[in-house]
Amino acid sequence: MAQPTPAPSAGSPFIEFQDVWLAYNETLLAQNSFAVEAIDLRVNKGQFIAIVGPSGCGKSTFMKLTTGLRRPSRGTVRIDGQPVTGPLKISGMAFQAPSLLPWRTTLDNVLLPLEIVEPHRSQFKARRAEYVQRASALLAKVGLGGYESKFPWQLSGGMQQRVSICRALIHEPKMLLLDEPFGALDAFTREELWCILRDLWLEQQFNVVLVTHDLRESVFLADTVYVMSKGPGRFVVNRQIDLPRVRDLEITYTPAFTDIVHELRSHIGAIRGGAAAAAASGVVA
């Protein structure tokens, strides 16, 4: 059923980067050698953004800064109005590899965050029945109802990735971070999971940060696509995706959709071409 896009918040941004730079160690910092530089970003509550760019541009570094796994060398990162000083408990993450524990069933893999992260850990035994019901409901939403007792080796790659997304959402985070989550899947499975993610986001209205190499994926899912330059990475393009919601797969065949994809591809091509030309001439980009 069609649902509206989450409305932008009139208050403070949910994600805010202010002139953020990161060097991975003190030696690189002393040499002014940064992985990302001059990152400024403001994302309202409930919005879906995608980060694209050439390999090595700093997309994964940006994710580490957003989750608190890395602190900036310069500048500040705020999530939900609070400075990020360490790993966030209000976020969920999923990666290209599902990384399910092979000795745990589908249900137990989804429940894992509730067993190890406070405040759920201390309540887990008392609230187990409630948590199991929550996990089963999530699995049903992604088409895995009845698979609770299956082990990872009994599931296809696409099914495993659905379990991974459920695990990332089981503690009802305010923000979901996805690092190439569908990159290893075939085209049909990938598009099916686009729609599942779209529906979960529209229903629950959490923030999403998606890192991807797939431009079609970014345009189909995101409100805004940010293009990063070759390292040191910085945002060089901020493309609002003004396609109507809710987007069905048919939209990916329309001129409006393909025009945006081609536009983004031209930006990335120019970035890669400029870096290649600089390397050929012996100039550091």
C-alpha atoms as a PDB file:
ATOM      1  CA  MET A   1       0.000   0.000   0.000  1.00  0.00           C
ATOM      2  CA  ALA A   2       1.315   3.423  -0.888  1.00  0.00           C
ATOM      3  CA  GLN A   3       2.606   5.461   2.016  1.00  0.00           C
ATOM      4  CA  PRO A   4       3.986   9.003   2.107  1.00  0.00           C
ATOM      5  CA  THR A   5       7.661   9.801   2.354  1.00  0.00           C
ATOM      6  CA  PRO A   6       8.633  10.693   5.939  1.00  0.00           C
ATOM      7  CA  ALA A   7       8.257  14.445   6.347  1.00  0.00           C
ATOM      8  CA  PRO A   8      11.416  16.478   6.919  1.00  0.00           C
ATOM      9  CA  SER A   9      11.866  17.586  10.511  1.00  0.00           C
ATOM     10  CA  ALA A  10      11.545  21.282  11.204  1.00  0.00           C
ATOM     11  CA  GLY A  11      14.047  21.056  14.089  1.00  0.00           C
ATOM     12  CA  SER A  12      17.688  20.120  14.308  1.00  0.00           C
ATOM     13  CA  PRO A  13      19.045  17.651  11.729  1.00  0.00           C
ATOM     14  CA  PHE A  14      19.221  14.014  12.761  1.00  0.00           C
ATOM     15  CA  ILE A  15      22.657  13.549  11.134  1.00  0.00           C
ATOM     16  CA  GLU A  16      25.036  16.499  11.156  1.00  0.00           C
ATOM     17  CA  PHE A  17      28.671  16.646  10.019  1.00  0.00           C
ATOM     18  CA  GLN A  18      30.442  19.971  10.502  1.00  0.00           C
ATOM     19  CA  ASP A  19      33.735  20.332   8.580  1.00  0.00           C
ATOM     20  CA  VAL A  20      34.791  16.741   9.340  1.00  0.00           C
ATOM     21  CA  TRP A  21      38.271  15.494   8.436  1.00  0.00           C
ATOM     22  CA  LEU A  22      39.771  12.097   9.280  1.00  0.00           C
ATOM     23  CA  ALA A  23      43.340  10.835   9.167  1.00  0.00           C
ATOM     24  CA  TYR A  24      43.719   7.234  10.278  1.00  0.00           C
ATOM     25  CA  ASN A  25      46.711   7.804  12.573  1.00  0.00           C
ATOM     26  CA  GLU A  26      48.913  10.543  14.015  1.00  0.00           C
ATOM     27  CA  THR A  27      51.619  10.068  11.383  1.00  0.00           C
ATOM     28  CA  LEU A  28      49.136  10.607   8.547  1.00  0.00           C
ATOM     29  CA  LEU A  29      47.620  13.551  10.402  1.00  0.00           C
ATOM     30  CA  ALA A  30      51.052  15.174  10.708  1.00  0.00           C
ATOM     31  CA  GLN A  31      51.464  14.694   6.953  1.00  0.00           C
ATOM     32  CA  ASN A  32      48.002  16.171   6.260  1.00  0.00           C
ATOM     33  CA  SER A  33      47.055  12.866   4.634  1.00  0.00           C
ATOM     34  CA  PHE A  34      43.322  12.458   5.108  1.00  0.00           C
ATOM     35  CA  ALA A  35      40.885   9.695   4.167  1.00  0.00           C
ATOM     36  CA  VAL A  36      38.004  12.202   4.043  1.00  0.00           C
ATOM     37  CA  GLU A  37      38.065  15.978   4.246  1.00  0.00           C
ATOM     38  CA  ALA A  38      35.723  18.940   4.683  1.00  0.00           C
ATOM     39  CA  ILE A  39      32.581  16.831   5.058  1.00  0.00           C
ATOM     40  CA  ASP A  40      29.523  18.971   5.730  1.00  0.00           C
ATOM     41  CA  LEU A  41      26.159  17.244   5.909  1.00  0.00           C
ATOM     42  CA  ARG A  42      22.709  17.821   7.375  1.00  0.00           C
ATOM     43  CA  VAL A  43      20.089  15.072   7.129  1.00  0.00           C
ATOM     44  CA  ASN A  44      16.599  15.474   8.584  1.00  0.00           C
ATOM     45  CA  LYS A  45      14.902  12.853  10.710  1.00  0.00           C
ATOM     46  CA  GLY A  46      13.473   9.944   8.746  1.00  0.00           C
ATOM     47  CA  GLN A  47      15.359  10.667   5.525  1.00  0.00           C
ATOM     48  CA  PHE A  48      17.047   8.089   3.259  1.00  0.00           C
ATOM     49  CA  ILE A  49      20.416   9.073   1.775  1.00  0.00           C
ATOM     50  CA  ALA A  50      22.815   7.161  -0.453  1.00  0.00           C
ATOM     51  CA  ILE A  51      26.571   7.652  -0.843  1.00  0.00           C
ATOM     52  CA  VAL A  52      28.188   6.736  -4.168  1.00  0.00           C
ATOM     53  CA  GLY A  53      31.604   7.281  -5.684  1.00  0.00           C
ATOM     54  CA  PRO A  54      34.660   5.527  -7.110  1.00  0.00           C
ATOM     55  CA  SER A  55      36.443   2.809  -5.146  1.00  0.00           C
ATOM     56  CA  GLY A  56      38.673   4.183  -2.432  1.00  0.00           C
ATOM     57  CA  CYS A  57      36.835   7.487  -2.139  1.00  0.00           C
ATOM     58  CA  GLY A  58      36.076   7.160   1.566  1.00  0.00           C
ATOM     59  CA  LYS A  59      32.506   5.802   1.594  1.00  0.00           C
ATOM     60  CA  SER A  60      33.241   3.198   4.254  1.00  0.00           C
ATOM     61  CA  THR A  61      35.228   5.765   6.264  1.00  0.00           C
ATOM     62  CA  PHE A  62      32.144   7.985   6.240  1.00  0.00           C
ATOM     63  CA  MET A  63      30.127   5.075   7.647  1.00  0.00           C
ATOM     64  CA  LYS A  64      32.636   4.546  10.459  1.00  0.00           C
ATOM     65  CA  LEU A  65      32.350   8.204  11.387  1.00  0.00           C
ATOM     66  CA  THR A  66      28.557   8.029  11.341  1.00  0.00           C
ATOM     67  CA  THR A  67      28.451   4.992  13.640  1.00  0.00           C
ATOM     68  CA  GLY A  68      31.105   6.274  16.028  1.00  0.00           C
ATOM     69  CA  LEU A  69      33.587   3.524  15.158  1.00  0.00           C
ATOM     70  CA  ARG A  70      35.970   6.346  14.209  1.00  0.00           C
ATOM     71  CA  ARG A  71      36.176   9.834  15.664  1.00  0.00           C
ATOM     72  CA  PRO A  72      37.100  12.733  13.395  1.00  0.00           C
ATOM     73  CA  SER A  73      40.549  14.303  13.449  1.00  0.00           C
ATOM     74  CA  ARG A  74      38.851  17.660  12.920  1.00  0.00           C
ATOM     75  CA  GLY A  75      35.265  18.819  13.065  1.00  0.00           C
ATOM     76  CA  THR A  76      32.227  17.358  14.806  1.00  0.00           C
ATOM     77  CA  VAL A  77      29.665  14.641  14.147  1.00  0.00           C
ATOM     78  CA  ARG A  78      26.249  14.786  15.801  1.00  0.00           C
ATOM     79  CA  ILE A  79      23.554  12.133  15.606  1.00  0.00           C
ATOM     80  CA  ASP A  80      20.092  12.885  16.961  1.00  0.00           C
ATOM     81  CA  GLY A  81      21.425  16.092  18.462  1.00  0.00           C
ATOM     82  CA  GLN A  82      24.233  14.449  20.447  1.00  0.00           C
ATOM     83  CA  PRO A  83      27.997  14.511  19.744  1.00  0.00           C
ATOM     84  CA  VAL A  84      29.273  11.103  18.637  1.00  0.00           C
ATOM     85  CA  THR A  85      31.972  10.007  21.082  1.00  0.00           C
ATOM     86  CA  GLY A  86      31.833   6.226  20.620  1.00  0.00           C
ATOM     87  CA  PRO A  87      29.854   3.383  19.001  1.00  0.00           C
ATOM     88  CA  LEU A  88      26.162   4.216  18.763  1.00  0.00           C
ATOM     89  CA  LYS A  89      23.447   2.057  20.278  1.00  0.00           C
ATOM     90  CA  ILE A  90      20.696   3.753  18.270  1.00  0.00           C
ATOM     91  CA  SER A  91      21.929   2.385  14.928  1.00  0.00           C
ATOM     92  CA  GLY A  92      21.704  -0.942  13.130  1.00  0.00           C
ATOM     93  CA  MET A  93      24.126  -2.113  10.453  1.00  0.00           C
ATOM     94  CA  ALA A  94      24.139  -4.593   7.583  1.00  0.00           C
ATOM     95  CA  PHE A  95      26.980  -5.372   5.193  1.00  0.00           C
ATOM     96  CA  GLN A  96      27.567  -7.155   1.895  1.00  0.00           C
ATOM     97  CA  ALA A  97      28.335 -10.397   3.746  1.00  0.00           C
ATOM     98  CA  PRO A  98      25.392 -11.377   6.003  1.00  0.00           C
ATOM     99  CA  SER A  99      27.820 -12.819   8.612  1.00  0.00           C
ATOM    100  CA  LEU A 100      25.195 -15.005  10.239  1.00  0.00           C
ATOM    101  CA  LEU A 101      26.387 -17.361  12.981  1.00  0.00           C
ATOM    102  CA  PRO A 102      26.185 -20.841  11.413  1.00  0.00           C
ATOM    103  CA  TRP A 103      25.279 -22.616  14.661  1.00  0.00           C
ATOM    104  CA  ARG A 104      22.287 -20.379  15.318  1.00  0.00           C
ATOM    105  CA  THR A 105      18.872 -20.653  13.714  1.00  0.00           C
ATOM    106  CA  THR A 106      17.319 -17.828  11.720  1.00  0.00           C
ATOM    107  CA  LEU A 107      15.335 -16.718  14.773  1.00  0.00           C
ATOM    108  CA  ASP A 108      18.341 -16.838  17.093  1.00  0.00           C
ATOM    109  CA  ASN A 109      20.498 -14.900  14.619  1.00  0.00           C
ATOM    110  CA  VAL A 110      17.889 -12.137  14.522  1.00  0.00           C
ATOM    111  CA  LEU A 111      17.635 -12.080  18.321  1.00  0.00           C
ATOM    112  CA  LEU A 112      21.399 -11.784  18.819  1.00  0.00           C
ATOM    113  CA  PRO A 113      21.558  -7.964  19.284  1.00  0.00           C
ATOM    114  CA  LEU A 114      18.926  -8.170  22.016  1.00  0.00           C
ATOM    115  CA  GLU A 115      21.063 -10.719  23.855  1.00  0.00           C
ATOM    116  CA  ILE A 116      24.237  -8.643  23.872  1.00  0.00           C
ATOM    117  CA  VAL A 117      23.275  -4.939  23.845  1.00  0.00           C
ATOM    118  CA  GLU A 118      21.870  -3.060  26.825  1.00  0.00           C
ATOM    119  CA  PRO A 119      19.237  -2.288  27.902  1.00  0.00           C
ATOM    120  CA  HIS A 120      17.856  -5.386  26.155  1.00  0.00           C
ATOM    121  CA  ARG A 121      20.494  -7.782  27.469  1.00  0.00           C
ATOM    122  CA  SER A 122      19.460  -7.459  31.106  1.00  0.00           C
ATOM    123  CA  GLN A 123      15.786  -7.858  30.141  1.00  0.00           C
ATOM    124  CA  PHE A 124      16.226 -10.658  27.622  1.00  0.00           C
ATOM    125  CA  LYS A 125      15.127 -13.629  29.744  1.00  0.00           C
ATOM    126  CA  ALA A 126      12.116 -11.830  31.176  1.00  0.00           C
ATOM    127  CA  ARG A 127      11.014 -10.446  27.799  1.00  0.00           C
ATOM    128  CA  ARG A 128      12.092 -13.331  25.569  1.00  0.00           C
ATOM    129  CA  ALA A 129       8.541 -14.181  24.466  1.00  0.00           C
ATOM    130  CA  GLU A 130       7.973 -10.554  23.434  1.00  0.00           C
ATOM    131  CA  TYR A 131      11.302 -10.432  21.584  1.00  0.00           C
ATOM    132  CA  VAL A 132      10.584 -13.708  19.787  1.00  0.00           C
ATOM    133  CA  GLN A 133       7.235 -12.314  18.654  1.00  0.00           C
ATOM    134  CA  ARG A 134       8.960  -9.147  17.406  1.00  0.00           C
ATOM    135  CA  ALA A 135      11.561 -11.173  15.493  1.00  0.00           C
ATOM    136  CA  SER A 136       8.945 -13.448  13.941  1.00  0.00           C
ATOM    137  CA  ALA A 137       6.917 -10.426  12.822  1.00  0.00           C
ATOM    138  CA  LEU A 138      10.008  -8.888  11.180  1.00  0.00           C
ATOM    139  CA  LEU A 139      10.839 -12.138   9.414  1.00  0.00           C
ATOM    140  CA  ALA A 140       7.275 -12.374   8.118  1.00  0.00           C
ATOM    141  CA  LYS A 141       7.544  -8.839   6.696  1.00  0.00           C
ATOM    142  CA  VAL A 142      10.593  -9.822   4.642  1.00  0.00           C
ATOM    143  CA  GLY A 143       9.003 -13.044   3.396  1.00  0.00           C
ATOM    144  CA  LEU A 144      10.696 -15.442   5.814  1.00  0.00           C
ATOM    145  CA  GLY A 145       7.725 -16.459   7.920  1.00  0.00           C
ATOM    146  CA  GLY A 146       8.111 -20.164   8.714  1.00  0.00           C
ATOM    147  CA  TYR A 147      11.908 -20.103   8.363  1.00  0.00           C
ATOM    148  CA  GLU A 148      12.615 -19.361  12.035  1.00  0.00           C
ATOM    149  CA  SER A 149      14.156 -22.775  12.729  1.00  0.00           C
ATOM    150  CA  LYS A 150      16.331 -22.918   9.592  1.00  0.00           C
ATOM    151  CA  PHE A 151      20.102 -22.575   9.810  1.00  0.00           C
ATOM    152  CA  PRO A 152      22.084 -20.231   7.521  1.00  0.00           C
ATOM    153  CA  TRP A 153      23.327 -23.082   5.348  1.00  0.00           C
ATOM    154  CA  GLN A 154      19.701 -23.919   4.563  1.00  0.00           C
ATOM    155  CA  LEU A 155      19.018 -20.414   3.196  1.00  0.00           C
ATOM    156  CA  SER A 156      19.857 -18.798  -0.134  1.00  0.00           C
ATOM    157  CA  GLY A 157      22.084 -15.733  -0.275  1.00  0.00           C
ATOM    158  CA  GLY A 158      19.078 -13.456  -0.620  1.00  0.00           C
ATOM    159  CA  MET A 159      17.360 -15.092   2.341  1.00  0.00           C
ATOM    160  CA  GLN A 160      20.496 -14.689   4.456  1.00  0.00           C
ATOM    161  CA  GLN A 161      20.635 -10.995   3.624  1.00  0.00           C
ATOM    162  CA  ARG A 162      16.999 -10.597   4.669  1.00  0.00           C
ATOM    163  CA  VAL A 163      17.889 -12.184   8.009  1.00  0.00           C
ATOM    164  CA  SER A 164      20.821  -9.758   8.305  1.00  0.00           C
ATOM    165  CA  ILE A 165      18.496  -6.779   7.770  1.00  0.00           C
ATOM    166  CA  CYS A 166      16.052  -8.126  10.355  1.00  0.00           C
ATOM    167  CA  ARG A 167      18.918  -8.533  12.821  1.00  0.00           C
ATOM    168  CA  ALA A 168      19.925  -4.908  12.189  1.00  0.00           C
ATOM    169  CA  LEU A 169      16.361  -3.717  12.883  1.00  0.00           C
ATOM    170  CA  ILE A 170      15.334  -5.978  15.786  1.00  0.00           C
ATOM    171  CA  HIS A 171      16.265  -3.427  18.465  1.00  0.00           C
ATOM    172  CA  GLU A 172      14.212  -0.772  16.636  1.00  0.00           C
ATOM    173  CA  PRO A 173      17.105   1.585  15.860  1.00  0.00           C
ATOM    174  CA  LYS A 174      16.627   5.199  14.829  1.00  0.00           C
ATOM    175  CA  MET A 175      19.185   4.779  12.027  1.00  0.00           C
ATOM    176  CA  LEU A 176      20.072   1.940   9.657  1.00  0.00           C
ATOM    177  CA  LEU A 177      23.486   1.907   7.983  1.00  0.00           C
ATOM    178  CA  LEU A 178      23.947  -0.300   4.936  1.00  0.00           C
ATOM    179  CA  ASP A 179      27.356  -0.921   3.348  1.00  0.00           C
ATOM    180  CA  GLU A 180      26.907  -2.565  -0.069  1.00  0.00           C
ATOM    181  CA  PRO A 181      24.201  -4.847   1.381  1.00  0.00           C
ATOM    182  CA  PHE A 182      22.997  -6.252  -1.955  1.00  0.00           C
ATOM    183  CA  GLY A 183      26.234  -6.219  -3.949  1.00  0.00           C
ATOM    184  CA  ALA A 184      26.769  -9.981  -3.942  1.00  0.00           C
ATOM    185  CA  LEU A 185      23.245 -10.889  -5.039  1.00  0.00           C
ATOM    186  CA  ASP A 186      21.808 -11.554  -8.485  1.00  0.00           C
ATOM    187  CA  ALA A 187      19.845  -8.766 -10.160  1.00  0.00           C
ATOM    188  CA  PHE A 188      16.380 -10.186  -9.494  1.00  0.00           C
ATOM    189  CA  THR A 189      17.061 -10.863  -5.808  1.00  0.00           C
ATOM    190  CA  ARG A 190      18.671  -7.456  -5.437  1.00  0.00           C
ATOM    191  CA  GLU A 191      15.605  -5.661  -6.813  1.00  0.00           C
ATOM    192  CA  GLU A 192      13.321  -7.738  -4.602  1.00  0.00           C
ATOM    193  CA  LEU A 193      15.303  -6.619  -1.559  1.00  0.00           C
ATOM    194  CA  TRP A 194      15.167  -2.997  -2.703  1.00  0.00           C
ATOM    195  CA  CYS A 195      11.387  -3.210  -2.396  1.00  0.00           C
ATOM    196  CA  ILE A 196      11.549  -4.925   0.989  1.00  0.00           C
ATOM    197  CA  LEU A 197      13.875  -2.226   2.328  1.00  0.00           C
ATOM    198  CA  ARG A 198      11.666   0.491   0.823  1.00  0.00           C
ATOM    199  CA  ASP A 199       8.600  -0.899   2.597  1.00  0.00           C
ATOM    200  CA  LEU A 200      10.335  -1.305   5.970  1.00  0.00           C
ATOM    201  CA  TRP A 201      11.627   2.274   5.783  1.00  0.00           C
ATOM    202  CA  LEU A 202       8.257   3.718   4.810  1.00  0.00           C
ATOM    203  CA  GLU A 203       6.584   1.836   7.650  1.00  0.00           C
ATOM    204  CA  GLN A 204       9.092   2.534  10.435  1.00  0.00           C
ATOM    205  CA  GLN A 205      10.562   5.893   9.283  1.00  0.00           C
ATOM    206  CA  PHE A 206      14.099   5.347  10.569  1.00  0.00           C
ATOM    207  CA  ASN A 207      16.995   7.167   8.939  1.00  0.00           C
ATOM    208  CA  VAL A 208      18.955   5.206   6.350  1.00  0.00           C
ATOM    209  CA  VAL A 209      22.511   5.730   5.110  1.00  0.00           C
ATOM    210  CA  LEU A 210      23.243   3.468   2.145  1.00  0.00           C
ATOM    211  CA  VAL A 211      26.717   3.066   0.678  1.00  0.00           C
ATOM    212  CA  THR A 212      26.562   1.483  -2.754  1.00  0.00           C
ATOM    213  CA  HIS A 213      28.282   1.188  -6.121  1.00  0.00           C
ATOM    214  CA  ASP A 214      24.908   0.585  -7.797  1.00  0.00           C
ATOM    215  CA  LEU A 215      23.599   3.891  -9.130  1.00  0.00           C
ATOM    216  CA  ARG A 216      20.190   2.428  -9.987  1.00  0.00           C
ATOM    217  CA  GLU A 217      19.890   1.243  -6.401  1.00  0.00           C
ATOM    218  CA  SER A 218      20.746   4.675  -5.034  1.00  0.00           C
ATOM    219  CA  VAL A 219      18.234   6.476  -7.256  1.00  0.00           C
ATOM    220  CA  PHE A 220      15.452   3.970  -6.590  1.00  0.00           C
ATOM    221  CA  LEU A 221      15.785   4.080  -2.804  1.00  0.00           C
ATOM    222  CA  ALA A 222      17.155   7.439  -1.713  1.00  0.00           C
ATOM    223  CA  ASP A 223      15.771  10.914  -1.156  1.00  0.00           C
ATOM    224  CA  THR A 224      19.233  12.348  -1.813  1.00  0.00           C
ATOM    225  CA  VAL A 225      22.338  10.862  -3.435  1.00  0.00           C
ATOM    226  CA  TYR A 226      25.761  12.233  -2.457  1.00  0.00           C
ATOM    227  CA  VAL A 227      28.706  11.673  -4.790  1.00  0.00           C
ATOM    228  CA  MET A 228      32.145  11.491  -3.188  1.00  0.00           C
ATOM    229  CA  SER A 229      35.359  12.510  -4.888  1.00  0.00           C
ATOM    230  CA  LYS A 230      38.414  10.318  -5.214  1.00  0.00           C
ATOM    231  CA  GLY A 231      40.344  10.146  -1.931  1.00  0.00           C
ATOM    232  CA  PRO A 232      40.663  12.165   0.133  1.00  0.00           C
ATOM    233  CA  GLY A 233      36.904  11.917  -0.112  1.00  0.00           C
ATOM    234  CA  ARG A 234      34.595  14.884   0.030  1.00  0.00           C
ATOM    235  CA  PHE A 235      31.057  15.418  -1.195  1.00  0.00           C
ATOM    236  CA  VAL A 236      31.152  17.021  -4.636  1.00  0.00           C
ATOM    237  CA  VAL A 237      27.541  16.432  -5.760  1.00  0.00           C
ATOM    238  CA  ASN A 238      24.312  16.554  -3.763  1.00  0.00           C
ATOM    239  CA  ARG A 239      21.515  15.225  -6.004  1.00  0.00           C
ATOM    240  CA  GLN A 240      17.939  15.421  -4.744  1.00  0.00           C
ATOM    241  CA  ILE A 241      15.884  12.547  -6.174  1.00  0.00           C
ATOM    242  CA  ASP A 242      12.604  14.202  -7.061  1.00  0.00           C
ATOM    243  CA  LEU A 243      10.857  11.034  -8.199  1.00  0.00           C
ATOM    244  CA  PRO A 244       7.460  10.334  -6.628  1.00  0.00           C
ATOM    245  CA  ARG A 245       6.984   7.996  -3.695  1.00  0.00           C
ATOM    246  CA  VAL A 246       6.140   5.107  -3.459  1.00  0.00           C
ATOM    247  CA  ARG A 247       8.531   3.956  -6.193  1.00  0.00           C
ATOM    248  CA  ASP A 248       7.801   0.669  -7.915  1.00  0.00           C
ATOM    249  CA  LEU A 249      10.332  -1.148 -10.075  1.00  0.00           C
ATOM    250  CA  GLU A 250       8.564   0.068 -13.205  1.00  0.00           C
ATOM    251  CA  ILE A 251       9.964   3.535 -12.528  1.00  0.00           C
ATOM    252  CA  THR A 252      13.484   2.241 -13.218  1.00  0.00           C
ATOM    253  CA  TYR A 253      12.573   1.979 -16.904  1.00  0.00           C
ATOM    254  CA  THR A 254      11.334   5.570 -17.253  1.00  0.00           C
ATOM    255  CA  PRO A 255      13.336   8.391 -18.877  1.00  0.00           C
ATOM    256  CA  ALA A 256      13.183  10.460 -15.676  1.00  0.00           C
ATOM    257  CA  PHE A 257      14.884   7.662 -13.732  1.00  0.00           C
ATOM    258  CA  THR A 258      17.508   6.803 -16.324  1.00  0.00           C
ATOM    259  CA  ASP A 259      18.362  10.468 -16.823  1.00  0.00           C
ATOM    260  CA  ILE A 260      19.301  10.761 -13.139  1.00  0.00           C
ATOM    261  CA  VAL A 261      21.360   7.555 -13.283  1.00  0.00           C
ATOM    262  CA  HIS A 262      23.237   8.826 -16.352  1.00  0.00           C
ATOM    263  CA  GLU A 263      23.823  12.185 -14.669  1.00  0.00           C
ATOM    264  CA  LEU A 264      25.350  10.526 -11.606  1.00  0.00           C
ATOM    265  CA  ARG A 265      27.422   8.210 -13.805  1.00  0.00           C
ATOM    266  CA  SER A 266      28.813  11.219 -15.667  1.00  0.00           C
ATOM    267  CA  HIS A 267      29.873  12.829 -12.381  1.00  0.00           C
ATOM    268  CA  ILE A 268      31.678   9.682 -11.256  1.00  0.00           C
ATOM    269  CA  GLY A 269      33.224   9.233 -14.690  1.00  0.00           C
ATOM    270  CA  ALA A 270      34.587  12.766 -14.539  1.00  0.00           C
ATOM    271  CA  ILE A 271      36.030  12.095 -11.081  1.00  0.00           C
ATOM    272  CA  ARG A 272      37.698   8.878 -12.217  1.00  0.00           C
ATOM    273  CA  GLY A 273      38.916  10.461 -15.415  1.00  0.00           C
ATOM    274  CA  GLY A 274      40.420  13.396 -13.576  1.00  0.00           C
ATOM    275  CA  ALA A 275      42.220  11.122 -11.133  1.00  0.00           C
ATOM    276  CA  ALA A 276      43.562   8.970 -13.972  1.00  0.00           C
ATOM    277  CA  ALA A 277      44.797  12.005 -15.877  1.00  0.00           C
ATOM    278  CA  ALA A 278      46.511  13.364 -12.765  1.00  0.00           C
ATOM    279  CA  ALA A 279      48.209  10.023 -12.144  1.00  0.00           C
ATOM    280  CA  ALA A 280      49.398   9.830 -15.738  1.00  0.00           C
ATOM    281  CA  SER A 281      50.953  13.292 -15.511  1.00  0.00           C
ATOM    282  CA  GLY A 282      52.531  12.628 -12.127  1.00  0.00           C
ATOM    283  CA  VAL A 283      50.259  15.104 -10.335  1.00  0.00           C
ATOM    284  CA  VAL A 284      48.655  14.082  -7.052  1.00  0.00           C
ATOM    285  CA  ALA A 285      44.869  14.532  -7.239  1.00  0.00           C
END
